[in-house]
Protein backbone atom coordinates (compact mmCIF):
# COMPACT_ATOMS: atom_id res chain seq x y z
CA UNK A 1 -61.38 24.97 -75.99
CA UNK A 2 -58.90 27.58 -74.85
CA UNK A 3 -61.52 29.09 -72.64
CA UNK A 4 -62.10 25.81 -70.85
CA UNK A 5 -58.39 25.33 -70.27
CA UNK A 6 -58.00 28.80 -68.78
CA UNK A 7 -61.03 28.24 -66.63
CA UNK A 8 -59.64 24.93 -65.42
CA UNK A 9 -56.22 26.49 -64.70
CA UNK A 10 -57.81 29.35 -62.78
CA UNK A 11 -59.76 27.03 -60.52
CA UNK A 12 -56.92 24.73 -59.59
CA UNK A 13 -55.68 24.88 -55.97
CA UNK A 14 -51.97 24.40 -55.69
CA UNK A 15 -49.70 24.75 -52.66
CA UNK A 16 -49.14 28.43 -53.49
CA UNK A 17 -52.87 29.13 -53.02
CA UNK A 18 -52.94 28.07 -49.34
CA UNK A 19 -54.00 30.77 -46.90
CA UNK A 20 -51.09 32.68 -45.37
CA UNK A 21 -52.37 32.16 -41.81
CA UNK A 22 -52.19 28.34 -41.97
CA UNK A 23 -49.32 27.09 -39.79
CA UNK A 24 -46.43 25.48 -41.58
CA UNK A 25 -45.39 21.93 -40.57
CA UNK A 26 -42.23 23.29 -38.93
CA UNK A 27 -44.12 25.66 -36.59
CA UNK A 28 -47.32 23.75 -35.97
CA UNK A 29 -47.30 22.48 -32.41
CA UNK A 30 -43.75 23.80 -31.69
CA UNK A 31 -43.36 24.92 -28.12
CA UNK A 32 -41.26 27.94 -27.22
CA UNK A 33 -37.65 27.29 -26.33
CA UNK A 34 -35.84 28.54 -23.24
CA UNK A 35 -34.66 32.15 -23.39
CA UNK A 36 -30.99 32.42 -24.22
CA UNK A 37 -28.63 35.26 -23.42
CA UNK A 38 -28.76 36.28 -27.12
CA UNK A 39 -32.61 36.67 -26.83
CA UNK A 40 -32.34 39.06 -23.92
CA UNK A 41 -31.03 42.47 -22.80
CA UNK A 42 -30.53 43.39 -19.18
CA UNK A 43 -30.75 46.82 -17.58
CA UNK A 44 -30.42 48.03 -13.97
CA UNK A 45 -32.62 50.81 -12.50
CA UNK A 46 -31.35 53.61 -10.32
CA UNK A 47 -31.03 52.31 -6.79
CA UNK A 48 -33.18 53.21 -3.83
CA UNK A 49 -31.18 53.25 -0.64
CA UNK A 50 -32.04 52.17 2.88
CA UNK A 51 -29.78 51.92 5.92
CA UNK A 52 -26.77 50.02 4.62
CA UNK A 53 -28.30 48.68 1.40
CA UNK A 54 -29.66 49.76 -1.97
CA UNK A 55 -32.43 48.11 -3.98
CA UNK A 56 -32.43 47.91 -7.78
CA UNK A 57 -34.81 46.53 -10.39
CA UNK A 58 -32.94 44.22 -12.75
CA UNK A 59 -34.88 44.21 -16.00
CA UNK A 60 -34.76 41.45 -18.56
CA UNK A 61 -36.26 42.26 -22.05
CA UNK A 62 -36.92 39.81 -24.87
CA UNK A 63 -35.24 41.40 -27.87
CA UNK A 64 -35.60 38.23 -29.95
CA UNK A 65 -38.19 37.51 -32.58
CA UNK A 66 -39.88 34.61 -30.87
CA UNK A 67 -41.48 33.98 -27.48
CA UNK A 68 -39.22 32.14 -25.06
CA UNK A 69 -39.65 30.39 -21.70
CA UNK A 70 -37.93 31.67 -18.64
CA UNK A 71 -38.50 32.30 -14.94
CA UNK A 72 -36.74 31.73 -11.69
CA UNK A 73 -33.31 32.96 -10.77
CA UNK A 74 -30.63 34.44 -12.96
CA UNK A 75 -26.98 34.63 -12.04
CA UNK A 76 -25.47 37.92 -10.86
CA UNK A 77 -21.89 38.73 -9.86
CA UNK A 78 -19.90 41.90 -9.37
CA UNK A 79 -16.97 42.20 -11.84
CA UNK A 80 -14.06 44.56 -12.45
CA UNK A 81 -15.00 44.73 -16.18
CA UNK A 82 -16.86 42.73 -18.82
CA UNK A 83 -15.79 39.11 -19.14
CA UNK A 84 -13.70 39.10 -15.96
CA UNK A 85 -13.94 36.69 -13.04
CA UNK A 86 -16.47 37.55 -10.34
CA UNK A 87 -15.30 39.64 -7.39
CA UNK A 88 -16.38 37.95 -4.18
CA UNK A 89 -19.56 35.98 -3.71
CA UNK A 90 -22.29 35.62 -6.32
CA UNK A 91 -25.76 36.91 -5.50
CA UNK A 92 -27.69 34.84 -2.97
CA UNK A 93 -31.24 33.85 -3.84
CA UNK A 94 -34.23 35.10 -1.86
CA UNK A 95 -37.94 34.31 -2.06
CA UNK A 96 -37.53 30.91 -3.77
CA UNK A 97 -41.27 30.24 -3.36
CA UNK A 98 -41.90 33.05 -5.88
CA UNK A 99 -39.91 31.31 -8.67
CA UNK A 100 -42.26 30.36 -11.48
CA UNK A 101 -41.82 29.67 -15.18
CA UNK A 102 -43.48 32.02 -17.68
CA UNK A 103 -43.50 32.89 -21.38
CA UNK A 104 -41.73 36.11 -22.42
CA UNK A 105 -43.09 37.48 -25.71
CA UNK A 106 -40.87 39.57 -28.05
CA UNK A 107 -40.68 43.07 -26.59
CA UNK A 108 -41.96 42.00 -23.17
CA UNK A 109 -40.01 42.49 -19.97
CA UNK A 110 -39.50 40.71 -16.69
CA UNK A 111 -37.80 41.94 -13.56
CA UNK A 112 -36.09 40.85 -10.38
CA UNK A 113 -35.14 42.86 -7.33
CA UNK A 114 -31.42 43.09 -6.55
CA UNK A 115 -30.40 44.15 -3.05
CA UNK A 116 -26.81 45.35 -2.68
CA UNK A 117 -25.36 45.71 0.79
CA UNK A 118 -22.87 48.57 1.11
CA UNK A 119 -19.34 47.09 1.33
CA UNK A 120 -18.46 49.85 3.82
CA UNK A 121 -20.66 48.02 6.33
CA UNK A 122 -17.79 45.51 6.73
CA UNK A 123 -14.36 45.87 8.18
CA UNK A 124 -11.80 46.29 5.39
CA UNK A 125 -9.80 43.22 6.51
CA UNK A 126 -12.99 41.10 6.45
CA UNK A 127 -14.27 42.54 3.15
CA UNK A 128 -11.07 43.18 1.15
CA UNK A 129 -12.74 45.98 -0.91
CA UNK A 130 -12.25 46.16 -4.68
CA UNK A 131 -13.67 48.48 -7.29
CA UNK A 132 -16.36 46.89 -9.48
CA UNK A 133 -17.36 48.34 -12.85
CA UNK A 134 -20.52 46.31 -13.22
CA UNK A 135 -22.46 43.11 -13.01
CA UNK A 136 -22.20 39.90 -15.04
CA UNK A 137 -25.85 38.81 -15.43
CA UNK A 138 -27.03 35.50 -16.83
CA UNK A 139 -30.67 34.52 -17.54
CA UNK A 140 -32.27 31.70 -15.58
CA UNK A 141 -30.88 28.31 -16.62
CA UNK A 142 -28.17 29.78 -18.88
CA UNK A 143 -24.40 29.88 -18.62
CA UNK A 144 -23.68 32.82 -20.97
CA UNK A 145 -23.86 36.28 -19.39
CA UNK A 146 -24.01 39.97 -20.24
CA UNK A 147 -22.21 42.88 -18.68
CA UNK A 148 -24.33 45.60 -17.06
CA UNK A 149 -22.48 48.75 -16.01
CA UNK A 150 -22.72 49.44 -12.25
CA UNK A 151 -19.90 51.31 -10.54
CA UNK A 152 -19.63 50.17 -6.96
CA UNK A 153 -17.36 48.69 -4.32
CA UNK A 154 -17.28 44.90 -3.98
CA UNK A 155 -15.82 42.63 -1.31
CA UNK A 156 -13.24 40.20 -2.64
CA UNK A 157 -13.83 37.95 0.34
CA UNK A 158 -16.29 35.21 -0.76
CA UNK A 159 -17.68 34.79 2.79
CA UNK A 160 -19.15 38.33 2.56
CA UNK A 161 -22.42 38.30 0.60
CA UNK A 162 -23.27 41.77 -0.75
CA UNK A 163 -25.87 40.75 -3.34
CA UNK A 164 -29.27 39.16 -2.95
CA UNK A 165 -31.62 38.48 -5.88
CA UNK A 166 -35.32 37.65 -6.11
CA UNK A 167 -36.65 35.47 -8.95
CA UNK A 168 -37.52 37.09 -12.26
CA UNK A 169 -41.26 37.68 -12.71
CA UNK A 170 -43.19 38.69 -15.79
CA UNK A 171 -44.09 42.33 -16.27
CA UNK A 172 -42.38 45.48 -15.17
C-alpha cells in the first residue's frame, strides 16, 4: 500500500513541476517598454574636426536588464555643469527621414552623430561665449537627462545654433 502511495505521489504534476522555460502569465505577450534614462548610459567619442566644426559619436547603451524600445532624436544641450540650465540653443535635428524606432537589447548600443560648430566662428557680441563643462543628454521621448563631460565653449545667445544631432540608430 505504501508503495502505491509513493508511486502516486511521484507521478503527480503540480505547479512546481512546470518547465522553467514556460512563460509566466506576467511576461507572456508583454511588449518592451520605452527606454528610460535609468535604462541607458551615454558616452561621447573623441571628436573629428573639419573646418569650423567637430563631429562626435554619441553612444547610448542599454544597461538595464530588459529590452526597451527607442529610436529617433534625443535631447542635447551644453551646460556649465550637471543639472544646470542649458547654455544657449539646444541641438537642432538633422536627417529626420532617418528616424526609426528599434528595440535595444540589454548590452546593445545605439549611436547618433553630434556636430558641434566652433563658437569662435561667431563674433563675441553675437555669441556671448561661456565655458561649458558638458552636455545634458536625454533619450528619445524622455524628459530626464544625464550629464556627459565635454569641455568646450558654448554661445549663450539662443539664436546661435552650435549643435546638430542626427537620430539614434541601432548598432555602433
